[in-house]
Amino acid sequence: MKTAYIMMGIQGSGKSTFCTRFLGNVERINLDTLHTRNKEATMIAECHQKECDYVVDNTNPTRADRQRYIPAAKEAGYRVVGYFMKSRIKECIKRNELREGKARIPAKAIAMTSNKLEMPSRKEGFDELYFVRIDGDNMLISDWRD
């Protein structure tokens, strides 16, 4: 079945690394590379038209942010899978400091996203929902418990 994956977590929490390791064979959509919501919407529409799997690799901290994607994916006949990245602000800031150029963002922005973070729920429309935590070089995935 065609699948739309929705990543959730603050900057530096490992979302993009997770996508590379576990979702490398799906179309990756994110605002860091596309820069505008219009380009993002166009790319999602193209995925729906081609019926290809895709992952939205943005922070998606609030339910409202996630609702930008879930209803459209459901309407297009997609199964929606969410991955919520466990995060500690200090660790995310440390990872962010290893980034170069425009990939590095102000630590204040990470804290602001953390303050907006709302825990997801299957009630939002997720067919599957998982919790991901980093343990050294490993990423541990567990079932979500509402």
C-alpha atoms as a PDB file:
ATOM      1  CA  MET A   1       0.000   0.000   0.000  1.00  0.00           C
ATOM      2  CA  LYS A   2       1.256   3.493  -0.777  1.00  0.00           C
ATOM      3  CA  THR A   3       2.517   5.280   2.321  1.00  0.00           C
ATOM      4  CA  ALA A   4       3.016   8.865   3.459  1.00  0.00           C
ATOM      5  CA  TYR A   5       5.469   9.194   6.335  1.00  0.00           C
ATOM      6  CA  ILE A   6       5.311  12.243   8.612  1.00  0.00           C
ATOM      7  CA  MET A   7       8.374  13.093  10.709  1.00  0.00           C
ATOM      8  CA  MET A   8       7.975  15.042  13.951  1.00  0.00           C
ATOM      9  CA  GLY A   9      10.643  16.497  16.202  1.00  0.00           C
ATOM     10  CA  ILE A  10      12.720  19.555  16.923  1.00  0.00           C
ATOM     11  CA  GLN A  11      15.689  20.544  14.823  1.00  0.00           C
ATOM     12  CA  GLY A  12      18.701  18.332  15.461  1.00  0.00           C
ATOM     13  CA  SER A  13      16.600  15.442  16.816  1.00  0.00           C
ATOM     14  CA  GLY A  14      17.697  13.081  14.030  1.00  0.00           C
ATOM     15  CA  LYS A  15      14.767  13.261  11.607  1.00  0.00           C
ATOM     16  CA  SER A  16      16.847  13.516   8.427  1.00  0.00           C
ATOM     17  CA  THR A  17      19.296  10.865   9.603  1.00  0.00           C
ATOM     18  CA  PHE A  18      16.343   8.590  10.329  1.00  0.00           C
ATOM     19  CA  CYS A  19      14.974   9.224   6.829  1.00  0.00           C
ATOM     20  CA  THR A  20      18.312   8.338   5.256  1.00  0.00           C
ATOM     21  CA  ARG A  21      18.692   5.149   7.293  1.00  0.00           C
ATOM     22  CA  PHE A  22      15.123   3.839   7.261  1.00  0.00           C
ATOM     23  CA  LEU A  23      13.258   5.609   4.448  1.00  0.00           C
ATOM     24  CA  GLY A  24      15.974   6.019   1.841  1.00  0.00           C
ATOM     25  CA  ASN A  25      13.831   4.552  -0.929  1.00  0.00           C
ATOM     26  CA  VAL A  26      10.991   7.088  -0.667  1.00  0.00           C
ATOM     27  CA  GLU A  27      10.658  10.637  -1.992  1.00  0.00           C
ATOM     28  CA  ARG A  28      11.928  13.071   0.664  1.00  0.00           C
ATOM     29  CA  ILE A  29      10.051  16.356   0.964  1.00  0.00           C
ATOM     30  CA  ASN A  30      11.262  19.120   3.238  1.00  0.00           C
ATOM     31  CA  LEU A  31      11.238  22.877   3.464  1.00  0.00           C
ATOM     32  CA  ASP A  32      15.004  23.066   3.989  1.00  0.00           C
ATOM     33  CA  THR A  33      15.508  22.149   0.342  1.00  0.00           C
ATOM     34  CA  LEU A  34      12.228  23.330  -1.220  1.00  0.00           C
ATOM     35  CA  HIS A  35      12.053  26.655   0.694  1.00  0.00           C
ATOM     36  CA  THR A  36       8.340  27.368   0.037  1.00  0.00           C
ATOM     37  CA  ARG A  37       5.021  25.786   0.971  1.00  0.00           C
ATOM     38  CA  ASN A  38       3.933  26.116  -2.663  1.00  0.00           C
ATOM     39  CA  LYS A  39       6.844  23.961  -3.886  1.00  0.00           C
ATOM     40  CA  GLU A  40       6.161  21.524  -1.060  1.00  0.00           C
ATOM     41  CA  ALA A  41       2.474  21.227  -2.008  1.00  0.00           C
ATOM     42  CA  THR A  42       3.380  20.738  -5.663  1.00  0.00           C
ATOM     43  CA  MET A  43       5.813  17.946  -4.796  1.00  0.00           C
ATOM     44  CA  ILE A  44       3.247  16.189  -2.592  1.00  0.00           C
ATOM     45  CA  ALA A  45       0.643  16.470  -5.350  1.00  0.00           C
ATOM     46  CA  GLU A  46       3.139  14.931  -7.797  1.00  0.00           C
ATOM     47  CA  CYS A  47       3.733  12.031  -5.388  1.00  0.00           C
ATOM     48  CA  HIS A  48      -0.025  11.487  -5.102  1.00  0.00           C
ATOM     49  CA  GLN A  49      -0.386  11.572  -8.877  1.00  0.00           C
ATOM     50  CA  LYS A  50       2.479   9.072  -9.361  1.00  0.00           C
ATOM     51  CA  GLU A  51       1.275   7.059  -6.342  1.00  0.00           C
ATOM     52  CA  CYS A  52       4.773   6.947  -4.887  1.00  0.00           C
ATOM     53  CA  ASP A  53       5.688   6.764  -1.213  1.00  0.00           C
ATOM     54  CA  TYR A  54       7.008   9.970   0.375  1.00  0.00           C
ATOM     55  CA  VAL A  55       8.218  11.355   3.673  1.00  0.00           C
ATOM     56  CA  VAL A  56       7.574  14.879   4.957  1.00  0.00           C
ATOM     57  CA  ASP A  57      10.826  15.632   6.771  1.00  0.00           C
ATOM     58  CA  ASN A  58       9.925  18.843   8.616  1.00  0.00           C
ATOM     59  CA  THR A  59       9.655  19.549  12.351  1.00  0.00           C
ATOM     60  CA  ASN A  60       5.825  19.340  12.303  1.00  0.00           C
ATOM     61  CA  PRO A  61       5.645  20.255  15.999  1.00  0.00           C
ATOM     62  CA  THR A  62       1.905  20.925  16.259  1.00  0.00           C
ATOM     63  CA  ARG A  63      -1.251  19.090  15.358  1.00  0.00           C
ATOM     64  CA  ALA A  64      -2.115  21.974  13.006  1.00  0.00           C
ATOM     65  CA  ASP A  65       1.219  21.512  11.210  1.00  0.00           C
ATOM     66  CA  ARG A  66       0.544  17.806  10.734  1.00  0.00           C
ATOM     67  CA  GLN A  67      -3.011  18.409   9.512  1.00  0.00           C
ATOM     68  CA  ARG A  68      -1.481  20.160   6.507  1.00  0.00           C
ATOM     69  CA  TYR A  69      -0.522  16.668   5.250  1.00  0.00           C
ATOM     70  CA  ILE A  70      -2.656  13.936   6.807  1.00  0.00           C
ATOM     71  CA  PRO A  71      -6.123  14.644   5.310  1.00  0.00           C
ATOM     72  CA  ALA A  72      -4.706  15.086   1.788  1.00  0.00           C
ATOM     73  CA  ALA A  73      -2.746  11.839   2.059  1.00  0.00           C
ATOM     74  CA  LYS A  74      -5.821   9.977   3.322  1.00  0.00           C
ATOM     75  CA  GLU A  75      -7.949  11.427   0.533  1.00  0.00           C
ATOM     76  CA  ALA A  76      -5.364  10.196  -1.993  1.00  0.00           C
ATOM     77  CA  GLY A  77      -5.606   6.680  -0.528  1.00  0.00           C
ATOM     78  CA  TYR A  78      -2.361   6.683   1.449  1.00  0.00           C
ATOM     79  CA  ARG A  79      -1.583   4.932   4.686  1.00  0.00           C
ATOM     80  CA  VAL A  80      -0.130   7.575   7.040  1.00  0.00           C
ATOM     81  CA  VAL A  81       2.747   6.626   9.326  1.00  0.00           C
ATOM     82  CA  GLY A  82       4.195   9.041  11.898  1.00  0.00           C
ATOM     83  CA  TYR A  83       7.613   8.998  13.542  1.00  0.00           C
ATOM     84  CA  PHE A  84       8.084  11.163  16.628  1.00  0.00           C
ATOM     85  CA  MET A  85      11.711  11.807  17.551  1.00  0.00           C
ATOM     86  CA  LYS A  86      12.487  11.906  21.264  1.00  0.00           C
ATOM     87  CA  SER A  87      14.631  14.916  21.921  1.00  0.00           C
ATOM     88  CA  ARG A  88      16.586  16.685  24.591  1.00  0.00           C
ATOM     89  CA  ILE A  89      17.268  20.291  23.748  1.00  0.00           C
ATOM     90  CA  LYS A  90      20.918  20.127  24.859  1.00  0.00           C
ATOM     91  CA  GLU A  91      21.605  17.111  22.612  1.00  0.00           C
ATOM     92  CA  CYS A  92      19.827  18.704  19.652  1.00  0.00           C
ATOM     93  CA  ILE A  93      21.822  21.924  20.065  1.00  0.00           C
ATOM     94  CA  LYS A  94      25.021  19.884  20.208  1.00  0.00           C
ATOM     95  CA  ARG A  95      24.116  18.053  16.961  1.00  0.00           C
ATOM     96  CA  ASN A  96      23.157  21.371  15.366  1.00  0.00           C
ATOM     97  CA  GLU A  97      26.589  22.798  16.225  1.00  0.00           C
ATOM     98  CA  LEU A  98      28.148  20.068  14.063  1.00  0.00           C
ATOM     99  CA  ARG A  99      26.221  21.311  11.021  1.00  0.00           C
ATOM    100  CA  GLU A 100      27.785  23.688   8.540  1.00  0.00           C
ATOM    101  CA  GLY A 101      26.509  26.706   6.648  1.00  0.00           C
ATOM    102  CA  LYS A 102      22.776  27.284   6.363  1.00  0.00           C
ATOM    103  CA  ALA A 103      22.076  23.872   7.891  1.00  0.00           C
ATOM    104  CA  ARG A 104      23.105  25.292  11.280  1.00  0.00           C
ATOM    105  CA  ILE A 105      20.333  27.282  12.915  1.00  0.00           C
ATOM    106  CA  PRO A 106      20.313  29.483  16.037  1.00  0.00           C
ATOM    107  CA  ALA A 107      19.927  27.543  19.294  1.00  0.00           C
ATOM    108  CA  LYS A 108      17.057  29.900  20.136  1.00  0.00           C
ATOM    109  CA  ALA A 109      15.090  28.495  17.168  1.00  0.00           C
ATOM    110  CA  ILE A 110      15.472  24.961  18.522  1.00  0.00           C
ATOM    111  CA  ALA A 111      14.157  26.072  21.926  1.00  0.00           C
ATOM    112  CA  MET A 112      11.221  27.877  20.279  1.00  0.00           C
ATOM    113  CA  THR A 113      10.229  24.754  18.325  1.00  0.00           C
ATOM    114  CA  SER A 114      10.532  22.672  21.496  1.00  0.00           C
ATOM    115  CA  ASN A 115       8.126  25.037  23.266  1.00  0.00           C
ATOM    116  CA  LYS A 116       5.523  24.489  20.505  1.00  0.00           C
ATOM    117  CA  LEU A 117       5.891  20.696  20.463  1.00  0.00           C
ATOM    118  CA  GLU A 118       2.574  18.833  20.818  1.00  0.00           C
ATOM    119  CA  MET A 119       2.538  15.080  21.249  1.00  0.00           C
ATOM    120  CA  PRO A 120       0.885  13.351  18.301  1.00  0.00           C
ATOM    121  CA  SER A 121      -2.080  11.018  18.576  1.00  0.00           C
ATOM    122  CA  ARG A 122      -3.592   8.353  16.351  1.00  0.00           C
ATOM    123  CA  LYS A 123      -6.759  10.470  16.503  1.00  0.00           C
ATOM    124  CA  GLU A 124      -5.034  12.906  14.116  1.00  0.00           C
ATOM    125  CA  GLY A 125      -5.389  10.282  11.371  1.00  0.00           C
ATOM    126  CA  PHE A 126      -2.186   8.278  11.691  1.00  0.00           C
ATOM    127  CA  ASP A 127      -2.567   4.623  10.720  1.00  0.00           C
ATOM    128  CA  GLU A 128       0.672   3.830  12.521  1.00  0.00           C
ATOM    129  CA  LEU A 129       2.617   5.939  14.994  1.00  0.00           C
ATOM    130  CA  TYR A 130       6.081   5.314  16.403  1.00  0.00           C
ATOM    131  CA  PHE A 131       8.436   6.789  18.976  1.00  0.00           C
ATOM    132  CA  VAL A 132      12.119   7.012  17.979  1.00  0.00           C
ATOM    133  CA  ARG A 133      15.014   7.613  20.319  1.00  0.00           C
ATOM    134  CA  ILE A 134      18.720   7.811  19.630  1.00  0.00           C
ATOM    135  CA  ASP A 135      20.985   5.520  21.627  1.00  0.00           C
ATOM    136  CA  GLY A 136      24.576   6.167  20.594  1.00  0.00           C
ATOM    137  CA  ASP A 137      24.742   5.355  16.871  1.00  0.00           C
ATOM    138  CA  ASN A 138      21.478   3.404  16.984  1.00  0.00           C
ATOM    139  CA  MET A 139      17.932   4.577  16.467  1.00  0.00           C
ATOM    140  CA  LEU A 140      15.443   2.625  18.528  1.00  0.00           C
ATOM    141  CA  ILE A 141      11.871   2.489  17.252  1.00  0.00           C
ATOM    142  CA  SER A 142       8.968   1.571  19.498  1.00  0.00           C
ATOM    143  CA  ASP A 143       5.185   1.562  19.110  1.00  0.00           C
ATOM    144  CA  TRP A 144       3.402   4.724  20.210  1.00  0.00           C
ATOM    145  CA  ARG A 145       1.235   4.553  23.289  1.00  0.00           C
ATOM    146  CA  ASP A 146      -1.596   7.106  23.355  1.00  0.00           C
END
